[in-house]
Amino acid sequence: MSTRFAGKCVLVTGAGSVGPGWGNGRAIAVGFAREGARVVGADREMAAMAETAERIAEFGGSFEAVECDVTDGAAIAAMVARIGRIDVLVNNVGGSAAGGPVEMAEEVWDAQIDRNLKSVFLTCKHVIPVMEAAGGGAIVNLASTSGIRWTGAAQVAYAASKAGVIQFSRVVAVQYAPKGIRVNTVVPGQMHTPMVEVRLAGQRAGGDVDALLRQRLARIPLGFAGDGRDTANAVLFLASEEARFITGTELVVDGGMSVRCG
């Protein structure tokens, strides 16, 4: 185990996964624990974090699972009060819904904005005062290449909310830089996470996982699909002292896809 984050407390939202394997949240939580952090994982379903806890237990890392709906400000406030000091916040909760403005139901739009953008606002609202009182901290928010490019499907609420995460991060980064709080965004592309098999294939390829994977792979110049561990590596870097002079920026992790997409 590395000690890069020894003595640090890291809160990772969406630390579970919809299925087995390297989802972004699971990989991020495991990565921080492997590097010596006390990791608190939040998810609205405790069962989703079982594999995360098991993987961290394998090497004796520190992990506490907390059930929390991060679209609920009161629930977040209670969780933050319970944790105490928080040195790093990673906002990983998110998910897409298909459709453009005409076909998308208003309640789906509202739910997407709440899940993908309001959740980031609420966690920052309650965690930033804790960081400020401690003299600083690092926040890493997860967006998506859908927030900066057309990525092959109409998912207007997801795209808009993830674009919002990027600009939200920039504004908060400038506001809190004098307080020693850095805020950056990781922008993953079309990663091969458990979400592909469990949800996306049904939405976009009639349940044909192999067909969806071929479609996604064809867009990636590097010729292979990354997974949650690639996202985690970017998050850990931006949260570390190695990135002490980096704030208000985005790190795209997509195998070159977004620079080729028109």
C-alpha atoms as a PDB file:
ATOM      1  CA  MET A   1       0.000   0.000   0.000  1.00  0.00           C
ATOM      2  CA  SER A   2       1.110   3.517  -0.822  1.00  0.00           C
ATOM      3  CA  THR A   3       0.904   6.305   1.761  1.00  0.00           C
ATOM      4  CA  ARG A   4       0.113   9.184  -0.585  1.00  0.00           C
ATOM      5  CA  PHE A   5      -3.173   9.848   1.240  1.00  0.00           C
ATOM      6  CA  ALA A   6      -2.206   8.622   4.697  1.00  0.00           C
ATOM      7  CA  GLY A   7      -3.990  10.604   7.387  1.00  0.00           C
ATOM      8  CA  LYS A   8      -6.561  11.949   4.919  1.00  0.00           C
ATOM      9  CA  CYS A   9     -10.309  11.377   5.002  1.00  0.00           C
ATOM     10  CA  VAL A  10     -11.920  10.979   1.591  1.00  0.00           C
ATOM     11  CA  LEU A  11     -15.658  11.049   0.923  1.00  0.00           C
ATOM     12  CA  VAL A  12     -16.660   9.307  -2.313  1.00  0.00           C
ATOM     13  CA  THR A  13     -20.292   9.556  -3.398  1.00  0.00           C
ATOM     14  CA  GLY A  14     -21.631   6.752  -5.549  1.00  0.00           C
ATOM     15  CA  ALA A  15     -19.028   4.369  -4.127  1.00  0.00           C
ATOM     16  CA  GLY A  16     -21.039   1.333  -5.118  1.00  0.00           C
ATOM     17  CA  SER A  17     -21.762  -0.081  -8.556  1.00  0.00           C
ATOM     18  CA  VAL A  18     -24.747  -1.497 -10.433  1.00  0.00           C
ATOM     19  CA  GLY A  19     -22.862  -4.749 -10.978  1.00  0.00           C
ATOM     20  CA  PRO A  20     -19.579  -6.586 -10.424  1.00  0.00           C
ATOM     21  CA  GLY A  21     -16.373  -5.062 -11.763  1.00  0.00           C
ATOM     22  CA  TRP A  22     -14.686  -1.689 -11.925  1.00  0.00           C
ATOM     23  CA  GLY A  23     -17.304   1.012 -11.839  1.00  0.00           C
ATOM     24  CA  ASN A  24     -15.954   4.532 -11.402  1.00  0.00           C
ATOM     25  CA  GLY A  25     -17.032   4.950  -7.779  1.00  0.00           C
ATOM     26  CA  ARG A  26     -15.779   1.546  -6.690  1.00  0.00           C
ATOM     27  CA  ALA A  27     -12.417   2.041  -8.381  1.00  0.00           C
ATOM     28  CA  ILE A  28     -12.025   5.511  -6.862  1.00  0.00           C
ATOM     29  CA  ALA A  29     -12.804   4.283  -3.345  1.00  0.00           C
ATOM     30  CA  VAL A  30     -10.436   1.327  -3.688  1.00  0.00           C
ATOM     31  CA  GLY A  31      -7.710   3.572  -5.111  1.00  0.00           C
ATOM     32  CA  PHE A  32      -7.807   6.016  -2.221  1.00  0.00           C
ATOM     33  CA  ALA A  33      -7.909   3.206   0.364  1.00  0.00           C
ATOM     34  CA  ARG A  34      -4.949   1.506  -1.296  1.00  0.00           C
ATOM     35  CA  GLU A  35      -3.007   4.743  -0.889  1.00  0.00           C
ATOM     36  CA  GLY A  36      -3.657   5.007   2.822  1.00  0.00           C
ATOM     37  CA  ALA A  37      -6.784   7.144   3.105  1.00  0.00           C
ATOM     38  CA  ARG A  38      -9.702   6.677   5.428  1.00  0.00           C
ATOM     39  CA  VAL A  39     -12.452   6.300   2.836  1.00  0.00           C
ATOM     40  CA  VAL A  40     -16.114   6.963   3.488  1.00  0.00           C
ATOM     41  CA  GLY A  41     -18.307   5.704   0.668  1.00  0.00           C
ATOM     42  CA  ALA A  42     -21.826   7.030   0.204  1.00  0.00           C
ATOM     43  CA  ASP A  43     -24.511   5.373  -1.865  1.00  0.00           C
ATOM     44  CA  ARG A  44     -28.290   5.251  -1.730  1.00  0.00           C
ATOM     45  CA  GLU A  45     -28.088   1.443  -1.680  1.00  0.00           C
ATOM     46  CA  MET A  46     -25.807  -0.189   0.883  1.00  0.00           C
ATOM     47  CA  ALA A  47     -25.760  -3.451  -1.058  1.00  0.00           C
ATOM     48  CA  ALA A  48     -24.132  -1.673  -4.009  1.00  0.00           C
ATOM     49  CA  MET A  49     -21.049  -1.023  -1.849  1.00  0.00           C
ATOM     50  CA  ALA A  50     -20.578  -4.629  -0.679  1.00  0.00           C
ATOM     51  CA  GLU A  51     -18.017  -5.487  -3.371  1.00  0.00           C
ATOM     52  CA  THR A  52     -16.242  -2.164  -2.776  1.00  0.00           C
ATOM     53  CA  ALA A  53     -15.872  -3.047   0.900  1.00  0.00           C
ATOM     54  CA  GLU A  54     -14.692  -6.555   0.064  1.00  0.00           C
ATOM     55  CA  ARG A  55     -12.002  -5.354  -2.324  1.00  0.00           C
ATOM     56  CA  ILE A  56     -10.680  -2.857   0.240  1.00  0.00           C
ATOM     57  CA  ALA A  57     -10.745  -5.456   3.023  1.00  0.00           C
ATOM     58  CA  GLU A  58      -8.502  -7.696   0.917  1.00  0.00           C
ATOM     59  CA  PHE A  59      -5.534  -5.397   1.532  1.00  0.00           C
ATOM     60  CA  GLY A  60      -6.573  -4.106   4.956  1.00  0.00           C
ATOM     61  CA  GLY A  61      -7.662  -0.655   3.830  1.00  0.00           C
ATOM     62  CA  SER A  62     -10.025   1.659   5.688  1.00  0.00           C
ATOM     63  CA  PHE A  63     -13.588   1.892   4.376  1.00  0.00           C
ATOM     64  CA  GLU A  64     -16.890   2.929   5.910  1.00  0.00           C
ATOM     65  CA  ALA A  65     -20.113   2.598   3.936  1.00  0.00           C
ATOM     66  CA  VAL A  66     -22.865   5.148   4.553  1.00  0.00           C
ATOM     67  CA  GLU A  67     -26.349   5.016   3.076  1.00  0.00           C
ATOM     68  CA  CYS A  68     -27.155   8.481   1.746  1.00  0.00           C
ATOM     69  CA  ASP A  69     -29.268  10.001  -1.009  1.00  0.00           C
ATOM     70  CA  VAL A  70     -27.131  12.896  -2.228  1.00  0.00           C
ATOM     71  CA  THR A  71     -30.136  14.693  -3.680  1.00  0.00           C
ATOM     72  CA  ASP A  72     -31.339  15.155  -0.074  1.00  0.00           C
ATOM     73  CA  GLY A  73     -29.644  18.088   1.639  1.00  0.00           C
ATOM     74  CA  ALA A  74     -30.671  17.038   5.150  1.00  0.00           C
ATOM     75  CA  ALA A  75     -29.270  13.539   4.628  1.00  0.00           C
ATOM     76  CA  ILE A  76     -25.983  14.996   3.387  1.00  0.00           C
ATOM     77  CA  ALA A  77     -25.739  17.378   6.345  1.00  0.00           C
ATOM     78  CA  ALA A  78     -26.235  14.479   8.767  1.00  0.00           C
ATOM     79  CA  MET A  79     -23.609  12.375   6.998  1.00  0.00           C
ATOM     80  CA  VAL A  80     -21.040  15.178   6.949  1.00  0.00           C
ATOM     81  CA  ALA A  81     -21.594  15.876  10.653  1.00  0.00           C
ATOM     82  CA  ARG A  82     -21.048  12.182  11.369  1.00  0.00           C
ATOM     83  CA  ILE A  83     -17.810  11.999   9.376  1.00  0.00           C
ATOM     84  CA  GLY A  84     -16.121  15.079  10.839  1.00  0.00           C
ATOM     85  CA  ARG A  85     -12.993  16.134   8.986  1.00  0.00           C
ATOM     86  CA  ILE A  86     -13.106  15.680   5.199  1.00  0.00           C
ATOM     87  CA  ASP A  87      -9.923  16.353   3.234  1.00  0.00           C
ATOM     88  CA  VAL A  88     -11.096  15.173  -0.180  1.00  0.00           C
ATOM     89  CA  LEU A  89     -14.579  15.090  -1.694  1.00  0.00           C
ATOM     90  CA  VAL A  90     -15.264  13.107  -4.857  1.00  0.00           C
ATOM     91  CA  ASN A  91     -18.667  13.643  -6.449  1.00  0.00           C
ATOM     92  CA  ASN A  92     -19.234  10.557  -8.555  1.00  0.00           C
ATOM     93  CA  VAL A  93     -23.025  10.107  -8.519  1.00  0.00           C
ATOM     94  CA  GLY A  94     -24.645  10.260 -11.937  1.00  0.00           C
ATOM     95  CA  GLY A  95     -26.508   8.470 -14.667  1.00  0.00           C
ATOM     96  CA  SER A  96     -28.038   9.097 -18.073  1.00  0.00           C
ATOM     97  CA  ALA A  97     -31.519   8.966 -19.546  1.00  0.00           C
ATOM     98  CA  ALA A  98     -32.241   8.813 -23.260  1.00  0.00           C
ATOM     99  CA  GLY A  99     -34.126  11.475 -25.146  1.00  0.00           C
ATOM    100  CA  GLY A 100     -34.196  15.003 -26.486  1.00  0.00           C
ATOM    101  CA  PRO A 101     -36.396  17.866 -25.268  1.00  0.00           C
ATOM    102  CA  VAL A 102     -39.542  16.806 -27.121  1.00  0.00           C
ATOM    103  CA  GLU A 103     -39.675  13.145 -26.158  1.00  0.00           C
ATOM    104  CA  MET A 104     -38.230  13.446 -22.656  1.00  0.00           C
ATOM    105  CA  ALA A 105     -40.812  13.690 -19.876  1.00  0.00           C
ATOM    106  CA  GLU A 106     -40.515  16.724 -17.624  1.00  0.00           C
ATOM    107  CA  GLU A 107     -40.105  14.547 -14.538  1.00  0.00           C
ATOM    108  CA  VAL A 108     -37.204  12.698 -16.184  1.00  0.00           C
ATOM    109  CA  TRP A 109     -35.509  16.034 -16.906  1.00  0.00           C
ATOM    110  CA  ASP A 110     -35.960  17.110 -13.289  1.00  0.00           C
ATOM    111  CA  ALA A 111     -34.639  13.796 -11.949  1.00  0.00           C
ATOM    112  CA  GLN A 112     -31.569  14.010 -14.213  1.00  0.00           C
ATOM    113  CA  ILE A 113     -30.723  17.536 -13.087  1.00  0.00           C
ATOM    114  CA  ASP A 114     -31.157  16.519  -9.451  1.00  0.00           C
ATOM    115  CA  ARG A 115     -29.035  13.399  -9.747  1.00  0.00           C
ATOM    116  CA  ASN A 116     -26.224  14.773 -11.864  1.00  0.00           C
ATOM    117  CA  LEU A 117     -25.973  18.443 -10.872  1.00  0.00           C
ATOM    118  CA  LYS A 118     -27.948  19.232  -7.730  1.00  0.00           C
ATOM    119  CA  SER A 119     -26.131  16.410  -5.944  1.00  0.00           C
ATOM    120  CA  VAL A 120     -22.815  18.180  -6.605  1.00  0.00           C
ATOM    121  CA  PHE A 121     -24.214  21.484  -5.368  1.00  0.00           C
ATOM    122  CA  LEU A 122     -25.560  19.921  -2.168  1.00  0.00           C
ATOM    123  CA  THR A 123     -22.452  17.959  -1.227  1.00  0.00           C
ATOM    124  CA  CYS A 124     -20.258  21.007  -1.831  1.00  0.00           C
ATOM    125  CA  LYS A 125     -22.673  23.151   0.181  1.00  0.00           C
ATOM    126  CA  HIS A 126     -22.162  20.987   3.250  1.00  0.00           C
ATOM    127  CA  VAL A 127     -18.545  19.829   2.816  1.00  0.00           C
ATOM    128  CA  ILE A 128     -16.877  23.124   1.866  1.00  0.00           C
ATOM    129  CA  PRO A 129     -17.402  24.725   5.302  1.00  0.00           C
ATOM    130  CA  VAL A 130     -15.720  21.689   6.881  1.00  0.00           C
ATOM    131  CA  MET A 131     -12.750  22.021   4.518  1.00  0.00           C
ATOM    132  CA  GLU A 132     -12.547  25.765   5.049  1.00  0.00           C
ATOM    133  CA  ALA A 133     -12.442  25.314   8.819  1.00  0.00           C
ATOM    134  CA  ALA A 134      -9.585  22.822   8.414  1.00  0.00           C
ATOM    135  CA  GLY A 135      -7.576  25.154   6.191  1.00  0.00           C
ATOM    136  CA  GLY A 136      -8.189  23.587   2.792  1.00  0.00           C
ATOM    137  CA  GLY A 137      -9.040  20.502   0.809  1.00  0.00           C
ATOM    138  CA  ALA A 138      -9.584  19.079  -2.648  1.00  0.00           C
ATOM    139  CA  ILE A 139     -12.814  18.465  -4.528  1.00  0.00           C
ATOM    140  CA  VAL A 140     -12.984  16.367  -7.678  1.00  0.00           C
ATOM    141  CA  ASN A 141     -16.282  16.293  -9.557  1.00  0.00           C
ATOM    142  CA  LEU A 142     -17.059  13.782 -12.287  1.00  0.00           C
ATOM    143  CA  ALA A 143     -18.612  15.053 -15.495  1.00  0.00           C
ATOM    144  CA  SER A 144     -18.749  13.246 -18.850  1.00  0.00           C
ATOM    145  CA  THR A 145     -17.663  13.762 -22.420  1.00  0.00           C
ATOM    146  CA  SER A 146     -21.404  14.103 -23.080  1.00  0.00           C
ATOM    147  CA  GLY A 147     -21.036  17.478 -21.361  1.00  0.00           C
ATOM    148  CA  ILE A 148     -18.560  18.703 -23.982  1.00  0.00           C
ATOM    149  CA  ARG A 149     -19.407  16.780 -27.184  1.00  0.00           C
ATOM    150  CA  TRP A 150     -22.145  14.843 -28.960  1.00  0.00           C
ATOM    151  CA  THR A 151     -21.234  11.262 -28.092  1.00  0.00           C
ATOM    152  CA  GLY A 152     -23.620   9.234 -30.207  1.00  0.00           C
ATOM    153  CA  ALA A 153     -27.022   9.447 -28.518  1.00  0.00           C
ATOM    154  CA  ALA A 154     -29.543  12.122 -27.603  1.00  0.00           C
ATOM    155  CA  GLN A 155     -29.489  12.411 -23.817  1.00  0.00           C
ATOM    156  CA  VAL A 156     -30.140  16.096 -23.446  1.00  0.00           C
ATOM    157  CA  ALA A 157     -30.618  16.280 -19.664  1.00  0.00           C
ATOM    158  CA  TYR A 158     -27.494  14.244 -18.971  1.00  0.00           C
ATOM    159  CA  ALA A 159     -25.438  16.345 -21.376  1.00  0.00           C
ATOM    160  CA  ALA A 160     -26.742  19.612 -19.947  1.00  0.00           C
ATOM    161  CA  SER A 161     -26.251  18.565 -16.335  1.00  0.00           C
ATOM    162  CA  LYS A 162     -22.716  17.296 -16.929  1.00  0.00           C
ATOM    163  CA  ALA A 163     -21.825  20.516 -18.740  1.00  0.00           C
ATOM    164  CA  GLY A 164     -23.210  22.246 -15.664  1.00  0.00           C
ATOM    165  CA  VAL A 165     -20.885  20.258 -13.417  1.00  0.00           C
ATOM    166  CA  ILE A 166     -17.889  21.554 -15.371  1.00  0.00           C
ATOM    167  CA  GLN A 167     -18.879  25.205 -15.063  1.00  0.00           C
ATOM    168  CA  PHE A 168     -19.988  24.773 -11.448  1.00  0.00           C
ATOM    169  CA  SER A 169     -16.517  23.426 -10.658  1.00  0.00           C
ATOM    170  CA  ARG A 170     -14.792  26.339 -12.362  1.00  0.00           C
ATOM    171  CA  VAL A 171     -16.804  28.937 -10.448  1.00  0.00           C
ATOM    172  CA  VAL A 172     -16.331  27.263  -7.073  1.00  0.00           C
ATOM    173  CA  ALA A 173     -12.617  26.786  -7.791  1.00  0.00           C
ATOM    174  CA  VAL A 174     -12.093  30.528  -8.216  1.00  0.00           C
ATOM    175  CA  GLN A 175     -14.273  31.450  -5.247  1.00  0.00           C
ATOM    176  CA  TYR A 176     -12.503  29.116  -2.824  1.00  0.00           C
ATOM    177  CA  ALA A 177      -8.932  29.230  -4.095  1.00  0.00           C
ATOM    178  CA  PRO A 178      -8.013  31.828  -1.411  1.00  0.00           C
ATOM    179  CA  LYS A 179      -9.276  29.333   1.188  1.00  0.00           C
ATOM    180  CA  GLY A 180      -6.935  26.590   0.022  1.00  0.00           C
ATOM    181  CA  ILE A 181      -9.687  24.506  -1.553  1.00  0.00           C
ATOM    182  CA  ARG A 182      -8.967  23.178  -5.035  1.00  0.00           C
ATOM    183  CA  VAL A 183     -11.830  22.111  -7.320  1.00  0.00           C
ATOM    184  CA  ASN A 184     -11.320  20.166 -10.533  1.00  0.00           C
ATOM    185  CA  THR A 185     -13.328  17.949 -12.862  1.00  0.00           C
ATOM    186  CA  VAL A 186     -12.585  14.563 -14.378  1.00  0.00           C
ATOM    187  CA  VAL A 187     -14.363  14.021 -17.700  1.00  0.00           C
ATOM    188  CA  PRO A 188     -14.594  10.297 -18.476  1.00  0.00           C
ATOM    189  CA  GLY A 189     -15.479   9.094 -21.928  1.00  0.00           C
ATOM    190  CA  GLN A 190     -17.241   5.884 -22.887  1.00  0.00           C
ATOM    191  CA  MET A 191     -15.707   3.609 -20.276  1.00  0.00           C
ATOM    192  CA  HIS A 192     -16.427  -0.100 -19.999  1.00  0.00           C
ATOM    193  CA  THR A 193     -17.982  -0.130 -16.554  1.00  0.00           C
ATOM    194  CA  PRO A 194     -20.723  -2.446 -15.185  1.00  0.00           C
ATOM    195  CA  MET A 195     -23.245   0.182 -16.318  1.00  0.00           C
ATOM    196  CA  VAL A 196     -22.724  -0.977 -19.922  1.00  0.00           C
ATOM    197  CA  GLU A 197     -24.055  -4.487 -19.330  1.00  0.00           C
ATOM    198  CA  VAL A 198     -26.679  -3.608 -16.723  1.00  0.00           C
ATOM    199  CA  ARG A 199     -28.287  -0.510 -18.221  1.00  0.00           C
ATOM    200  CA  LEU A 200     -26.852   1.044 -21.372  1.00  0.00           C
ATOM    201  CA  ALA A 201     -27.083  -1.960 -23.675  1.00  0.00           C
ATOM    202  CA  GLY A 202     -30.827  -2.101 -23.094  1.00  0.00           C
ATOM    203  CA  GLN A 203     -31.207   1.610 -23.759  1.00  0.00           C
ATOM    204  CA  ARG A 204     -29.144   1.818 -26.919  1.00  0.00           C
ATOM    205  CA  ALA A 205     -28.505  -1.578 -28.514  1.00  0.00           C
ATOM    206  CA  GLY A 206     -31.625  -3.607 -27.852  1.00  0.00           C
ATOM    207  CA  GLY A 207     -29.842  -5.512 -25.094  1.00  0.00           C
ATOM    208  CA  ASP A 208     -26.927  -6.537 -27.347  1.00  0.00           C
ATOM    209  CA  VAL A 209     -23.894  -5.810 -25.161  1.00  0.00           C
ATOM    210  CA  ASP A 210     -21.369  -6.820 -27.822  1.00  0.00           C
ATOM    211  CA  ALA A 211     -22.981  -4.515 -30.382  1.00  0.00           C
ATOM    212  CA  LEU A 212     -22.862  -1.577 -27.973  1.00  0.00           C
ATOM    213  CA  LEU A 213     -19.238  -2.266 -27.088  1.00  0.00           C
ATOM    214  CA  ARG A 214     -18.324  -2.338 -30.802  1.00  0.00           C
ATOM    215  CA  GLN A 215     -20.118   0.968 -31.370  1.00  0.00           C
ATOM    216  CA  ARG A 216     -18.326   2.603 -28.472  1.00  0.00           C
ATOM    217  CA  LEU A 217     -14.923   1.153 -29.317  1.00  0.00           C
ATOM    218  CA  ALA A 218     -15.148   2.468 -32.881  1.00  0.00           C
ATOM    219  CA  ARG A 219     -15.130   6.017 -31.498  1.00  0.00           C
ATOM    220  CA  ILE A 220     -11.937   5.610 -29.430  1.00  0.00           C
ATOM    221  CA  PRO A 221      -8.648   6.413 -31.237  1.00  0.00           C
ATOM    222  CA  LEU A 222      -6.534   4.414 -28.772  1.00  0.00           C
ATOM    223  CA  GLY A 223      -8.458   1.305 -29.798  1.00  0.00           C
ATOM    224  CA  PHE A 224      -9.389  -0.045 -26.384  1.00  0.00           C
ATOM    225  CA  ALA A 225     -11.940   0.787 -23.711  1.00  0.00           C
ATOM    226  CA  GLY A 226     -10.858   2.189 -20.391  1.00  0.00           C
ATOM    227  CA  ASP A 227     -12.636   1.295 -17.171  1.00  0.00           C
ATOM    228  CA  GLY A 228     -13.197   2.753 -13.725  1.00  0.00           C
ATOM    229  CA  ARG A 229      -9.550   2.345 -12.779  1.00  0.00           C
ATOM    230  CA  ASP A 230      -8.553   4.851 -15.459  1.00  0.00           C
ATOM    231  CA  THR A 231     -11.059   7.320 -14.056  1.00  0.00           C
ATOM    232  CA  ALA A 232      -9.742   6.654 -10.560  1.00  0.00           C
ATOM    233  CA  ASN A 233      -6.136   7.347 -11.564  1.00  0.00           C
ATOM    234  CA  ALA A 234      -7.154  10.795 -12.806  1.00  0.00           C
ATOM    235  CA  VAL A 235      -9.177  11.524  -9.665  1.00  0.00           C
ATOM    236  CA  LEU A 236      -6.342  10.500  -7.337  1.00  0.00           C
ATOM    237  CA  PHE A 237      -3.887  12.697  -9.202  1.00  0.00           C
ATOM    238  CA  LEU A 238      -6.107  15.775  -9.016  1.00  0.00           C
ATOM    239  CA  ALA A 239      -6.757  15.182  -5.303  1.00  0.00           C
ATOM    240  CA  SER A 240      -3.071  14.740  -4.487  1.00  0.00           C
ATOM    241  CA  GLU A 241      -0.305  17.174  -3.603  1.00  0.00           C
ATOM    242  CA  GLU A 242       1.162  16.474  -7.033  1.00  0.00           C
ATOM    243  CA  ALA A 243      -1.691  18.641  -8.362  1.00  0.00           C
ATOM    244  CA  ARG A 244      -1.252  21.394  -5.757  1.00  0.00           C
ATOM    245  CA  PHE A 245      -1.081  24.099  -8.481  1.00  0.00           C
ATOM    246  CA  ILE A 246      -4.059  22.789 -10.449  1.00  0.00           C
ATOM    247  CA  THR A 247      -7.571  24.111  -9.876  1.00  0.00           C
ATOM    248  CA  GLY A 248     -10.570  25.045 -11.989  1.00  0.00           C
ATOM    249  CA  THR A 249      -9.666  22.712 -14.823  1.00  0.00           C
ATOM    250  CA  GLU A 250     -10.799  19.482 -16.485  1.00  0.00           C
ATOM    251  CA  LEU A 251      -8.929  16.247 -17.109  1.00  0.00           C
ATOM    252  CA  VAL A 252     -10.471  14.293 -19.990  1.00  0.00           C
ATOM    253  CA  VAL A 253     -10.100  10.501 -19.774  1.00  0.00           C
ATOM    254  CA  ASP A 254     -11.506   9.113 -23.015  1.00  0.00           C
ATOM    255  CA  GLY A 255      -8.797   7.530 -25.156  1.00  0.00           C
ATOM    256  CA  GLY A 256      -8.859  10.514 -27.502  1.00  0.00           C
ATOM    257  CA  MET A 257     -12.549  10.184 -28.370  1.00  0.00           C
ATOM    258  CA  SER A 258     -13.612  13.765 -27.760  1.00  0.00           C
ATOM    259  CA  VAL A 259     -10.926  15.281 -29.954  1.00  0.00           C
ATOM    260  CA  ARG A 260     -12.096  13.131 -32.861  1.00  0.00           C
ATOM    261  CA  CYS A 261     -15.833  13.619 -32.385  1.00  0.00           C
ATOM    262  CA  GLY A 262     -17.272  16.493 -34.404  1.00  0.00           C
END
